[in-house]
Amino acid sequence: MSINFEEIESIVVETDEKNSIPIATITADTVKPEQGYRVRIKPKIKN
C-alpha cells in the first residue's frame, strides 16, 4: 500500500465494532496513539 499524504489529511486506526473506538491517528508528520496503545515504527533496512 502506498500512501500519498498530499491527497490524504490523516489515517485513523480504529476497532472493528458497531461503535468503533479510535486507536491511533497518523498524519504525514505525526503518529498519535490513544492512551493505552502504542505504535511501532520500523525503519527500512538497507541491503
PDB file of N, CA and C in Angstrom:
ATOM      1  N   MET A   1       0.851  -1.172   0.000  1.00  0.00           N
ATOM      2  CA  MET A   1       0.000   0.000   0.000  1.00  0.00           C
ATOM      3  C   MET A   1       0.896   1.234   0.000  1.00  0.00           C
ATOM      4  N   SER A   2       0.633   2.111  -0.900  1.00  0.00           N
ATOM      5  CA  SER A   2       1.362   3.373  -0.978  1.00  0.00           C
ATOM      6  C   SER A   2       0.440   4.491  -0.498  1.00  0.00           C
ATOM      7  N   ILE A   3       0.973   5.367   0.344  1.00  0.00           N
ATOM      8  CA  ILE A   3       0.156   6.448   0.900  1.00  0.00           C
ATOM      9  C   ILE A   3       0.718   7.783   0.441  1.00  0.00           C
ATOM     10  N   ASN A   4      -0.118   8.565  -0.222  1.00  0.00           N
ATOM     11  CA  ASN A   4       0.274   9.886  -0.687  1.00  0.00           C
ATOM     12  C   ASN A   4      -0.398  10.916   0.221  1.00  0.00           C
ATOM     13  N   PHE A   5       0.357  11.483   1.164  1.00  0.00           N
ATOM     14  CA  PHE A   5      -0.226  12.422   2.110  1.00  0.00           C
ATOM     15  C   PHE A   5      -0.529  13.785   1.489  1.00  0.00           C
ATOM     16  N   GLU A   6      -0.222  13.961   0.212  1.00  0.00           N
ATOM     17  CA  GLU A   6      -0.652  15.180  -0.469  1.00  0.00           C
ATOM     18  C   GLU A   6      -2.160  15.116  -0.742  1.00  0.00           C
ATOM     19  N   GLU A   7      -2.716  13.903  -0.791  1.00  0.00           N
ATOM     20  CA  GLU A   7      -4.137  13.716  -1.067  1.00  0.00           C
ATOM     21  C   GLU A   7      -4.925  13.276   0.163  1.00  0.00           C
ATOM     22  N   ILE A   8      -4.238  12.964   1.263  1.00  0.00           N
ATOM     23  CA  ILE A   8      -4.882  12.457   2.477  1.00  0.00           C
ATOM     24  C   ILE A   8      -4.510  13.345   3.653  1.00  0.00           C
ATOM     25  N   GLU A   9      -5.493  13.733   4.447  1.00  0.00           N
ATOM     26  CA  GLU A   9      -5.225  14.547   5.639  1.00  0.00           C
ATOM     27  C   GLU A   9      -4.699  13.694   6.779  1.00  0.00           C
ATOM     28  N   SER A  10      -5.363  12.552   7.028  1.00  0.00           N
ATOM     29  CA  SER A  10      -4.923  11.675   8.112  1.00  0.00           C
ATOM     30  C   SER A  10      -5.496  10.279   7.931  1.00  0.00           C
ATOM     31  N   ILE A  11      -4.918   9.337   8.671  1.00  0.00           N
ATOM     32  CA  ILE A  11      -5.394   7.962   8.731  1.00  0.00           C
ATOM     33  C   ILE A  11      -5.797   7.710  10.171  1.00  0.00           C
ATOM     34  N   VAL A  12      -7.000   7.185  10.374  1.00  0.00           N
ATOM     35  CA  VAL A  12      -7.473   6.864  11.717  1.00  0.00           C
ATOM     36  C   VAL A  12      -7.559   5.347  11.826  1.00  0.00           C
ATOM     37  N   VAL A  13      -6.848   4.783  12.795  1.00  0.00           N
ATOM     38  CA  VAL A  13      -6.901   3.349  13.071  1.00  0.00           C
ATOM     39  C   VAL A  13      -7.924   3.163  14.184  1.00  0.00           C
ATOM     40  N   GLU A  14      -8.898   2.282  13.955  1.00  0.00           N
ATOM     41  CA  GLU A  14      -9.958   2.111  14.952  1.00  0.00           C
ATOM     42  C   GLU A  14     -10.388   0.652  15.028  1.00  0.00           C
ATOM     43  N   THR A  15     -11.135   0.326  16.072  1.00  0.00           N
ATOM     44  CA  THR A  15     -11.631  -1.034  16.246  1.00  0.00           C
ATOM     45  C   THR A  15     -12.731  -1.324  15.235  1.00  0.00           C
ATOM     46  N   ASP A  16     -12.968  -2.604  14.997  1.00  0.00           N
ATOM     47  CA  ASP A  16     -13.984  -3.035  14.035  1.00  0.00           C
ATOM     48  C   ASP A  16     -15.255  -3.410  14.794  1.00  0.00           C
ATOM     49  N   GLU A  17     -15.906  -2.421  15.364  1.00  0.00           N
ATOM     50  CA  GLU A  17     -17.121  -2.610  16.146  1.00  0.00           C
ATOM     51  C   GLU A  17     -18.194  -1.653  15.635  1.00  0.00           C
ATOM     52  N   LYS A  18     -19.446  -1.890  16.022  1.00  0.00           N
ATOM     53  CA  LYS A  18     -20.535  -1.001  15.610  1.00  0.00           C
ATOM     54  C   LYS A  18     -20.246   0.433  16.048  1.00  0.00           C
ATOM     55  N   ASN A  19     -19.856   0.619  17.288  1.00  0.00           N
ATOM     56  CA  ASN A  19     -19.426   1.925  17.804  1.00  0.00           C
ATOM     57  C   ASN A  19     -17.912   1.890  17.932  1.00  0.00           C
ATOM     58  N   SER A  20     -17.233   2.068  16.806  1.00  0.00           N
ATOM     59  CA  SER A  20     -15.778   1.914  16.773  1.00  0.00           C
ATOM     60  C   SER A  20     -15.073   2.873  17.725  1.00  0.00           C
ATOM     61  N   ILE A  21     -13.929   2.415  18.211  1.00  0.00           N
ATOM     62  CA  ILE A  21     -13.106   3.197  19.128  1.00  0.00           C
ATOM     63  C   ILE A  21     -11.802   3.537  18.415  1.00  0.00           C
ATOM     64  N   PRO A  22     -11.438   4.824  18.316  1.00  0.00           N
ATOM     65  CA  PRO A  22     -10.173   5.180  17.674  1.00  0.00           C
ATOM     66  C   PRO A  22      -8.989   4.670  18.487  1.00  0.00           C
ATOM     67  N   ILE A  23      -7.984   4.156  17.788  1.00  0.00           N
ATOM     68  CA  ILE A  23      -6.780   3.639  18.425  1.00  0.00           C
ATOM     69  C   ILE A  23      -5.600   4.561  18.163  1.00  0.00           C
ATOM     70  N   ALA A  24      -5.509   5.110  16.948  1.00  0.00           N
ATOM     71  CA  ALA A  24      -4.396   5.999  16.606  1.00  0.00           C
ATOM     72  C   ALA A  24      -4.772   6.863  15.412  1.00  0.00           C
ATOM     73  N   THR A  25      -4.147   8.034  15.339  1.00  0.00           N
ATOM     74  CA  THR A  25      -4.282   8.924  14.190  1.00  0.00           C
ATOM     75  C   THR A  25      -2.893   9.142  13.615  1.00  0.00           C
ATOM     76  N   ILE A  26      -2.767   8.977  12.304  1.00  0.00           N
ATOM     77  CA  ILE A  26      -1.482   9.099  11.622  1.00  0.00           C
ATOM     78  C   ILE A  26      -1.592  10.202  10.583  1.00  0.00           C
ATOM     79  N   THR A  27      -0.657  11.158  10.627  1.00  0.00           N
ATOM     80  CA  THR A  27      -0.563  12.197   9.603  1.00  0.00           C
ATOM     81  C   THR A  27       0.812  12.098   8.958  1.00  0.00           C
ATOM     82  N   ALA A  28       1.096  12.988   8.035  1.00  0.00           N
ATOM     83  CA  ALA A  28       2.381  12.958   7.344  1.00  0.00           C
ATOM     84  C   ALA A  28       3.552  13.162   8.294  1.00  0.00           C
ATOM     85  N   ASP A  29       3.328  13.865   9.409  1.00  0.00           N
ATOM     86  CA  ASP A  29       4.453  14.145  10.309  1.00  0.00           C
ATOM     87  C   ASP A  29       4.230  13.745  11.767  1.00  0.00           C
ATOM     88  N   THR A  30       3.094  13.120  12.091  1.00  0.00           N
ATOM     89  CA  THR A  30       2.860  12.689  13.476  1.00  0.00           C
ATOM     90  C   THR A  30       2.110  11.363  13.537  1.00  0.00           C
ATOM     91  N   VAL A  31       2.326  10.664  14.627  1.00  0.00           N
ATOM     92  CA  VAL A  31       1.571   9.459  14.954  1.00  0.00           C
ATOM     93  C   VAL A  31       1.102   9.642  16.384  1.00  0.00           C
ATOM     94  N   LYS A  32      -0.223   9.648  16.596  1.00  0.00           N
ATOM     95  CA  LYS A  32      -0.781   9.891  17.927  1.00  0.00           C
ATOM     96  C   LYS A  32      -1.634   8.699  18.358  1.00  0.00           C
ATOM     97  N   PRO A  33      -1.058   7.773  19.137  1.00  0.00           N
ATOM     98  CA  PRO A  33      -1.873   6.673  19.645  1.00  0.00           C
ATOM     99  C   PRO A  33      -2.726   7.129  20.820  1.00  0.00           C
ATOM    100  N   GLU A  34      -3.877   6.492  20.997  1.00  0.00           N
ATOM    101  CA  GLU A  34      -4.716   6.757  22.157  1.00  0.00           C
ATOM    102  C   GLU A  34      -4.035   6.173  23.395  1.00  0.00           C
ATOM    103  N   GLN A  35      -4.440   6.635  24.565  1.00  0.00           N
ATOM    104  CA  GLN A  35      -3.849   6.157  25.810  1.00  0.00           C
ATOM    105  C   GLN A  35      -4.060   4.649  25.938  1.00  0.00           C
ATOM    106  N   GLY A  36      -3.000   3.949  26.305  1.00  0.00           N
ATOM    107  CA  GLY A  36      -3.060   2.502  26.457  1.00  0.00           C
ATOM    108  C   GLY A  36      -2.635   1.745  25.211  1.00  0.00           C
ATOM    109  N   TYR A  37      -2.360   2.466  24.119  1.00  0.00           N
ATOM    110  CA  TYR A  37      -1.903   1.852  22.878  1.00  0.00           C
ATOM    111  C   TYR A  37      -0.537   2.416  22.522  1.00  0.00           C
ATOM    112  N   ARG A  38       0.180   1.695  21.702  1.00  0.00           N
ATOM    113  CA  ARG A  38       1.461   2.189  21.208  1.00  0.00           C
ATOM    114  C   ARG A  38       1.564   1.880  19.722  1.00  0.00           C
ATOM    115  N   VAL A  39       2.398   2.630  19.050  1.00  0.00           N
ATOM    116  CA  VAL A  39       2.640   2.438  17.625  1.00  0.00           C
ATOM    117  C   VAL A  39       4.133   2.233  17.446  1.00  0.00           C
ATOM    118  N   ARG A  40       4.492   1.177  16.774  1.00  0.00           N
ATOM    119  CA  ARG A  40       5.903   0.913  16.479  1.00  0.00           C
ATOM    120  C   ARG A  40       6.183   1.335  15.044  1.00  0.00           C
ATOM    121  N   ILE A  41       7.263   2.056  14.857  1.00  0.00           N
ATOM    122  CA  ILE A  41       7.681   2.485  13.525  1.00  0.00           C
ATOM    123  C   ILE A  41       8.957   1.733  13.187  1.00  0.00           C
ATOM    124  N   LYS A  42       8.926   1.007  12.077  1.00  0.00           N
ATOM    125  CA  LYS A  42      10.069   0.199  11.679  1.00  0.00           C
ATOM    126  C   LYS A  42      10.779   0.876  10.504  1.00  0.00           C
ATOM    127  N   PRO A  43      12.054   1.213  10.667  1.00  0.00           N
ATOM    128  CA  PRO A  43      12.792   1.837   9.572  1.00  0.00           C
ATOM    129  C   PRO A  43      13.113   0.819   8.472  1.00  0.00           C
ATOM    130  N   LYS A  44      13.321   1.327   7.276  1.00  0.00           N
ATOM    131  CA  LYS A  44      13.755   0.463   6.186  1.00  0.00           C
ATOM    132  C   LYS A  44      15.172  -0.005   6.471  1.00  0.00           C
ATOM    133  N   ILE A  45      15.468  -1.233   6.098  1.00  0.00           N
ATOM    134  CA  ILE A  45      16.802  -1.791   6.284  1.00  0.00           C
ATOM    135  C   ILE A  45      17.493  -1.794   4.932  1.00  0.00           C
ATOM    136  N   LYS A  46      18.667  -1.185   4.880  1.00  0.00           N
ATOM    137  CA  LYS A  46      19.423  -1.152   3.628  1.00  0.00           C
ATOM    138  C   LYS A  46      20.045  -2.516   3.375  1.00  0.00           C
ATOM    139  N   ASN A  47      19.969  -2.959   2.128  1.00  0.00           N
ATOM    140  CA  ASN A  47      20.569  -4.252   1.754  1.00  0.00           C
ATOM    141  C   ASN A  47      22.008  -4.090   1.396  1.00  0.00           C
TER     142      ASN A  47
END
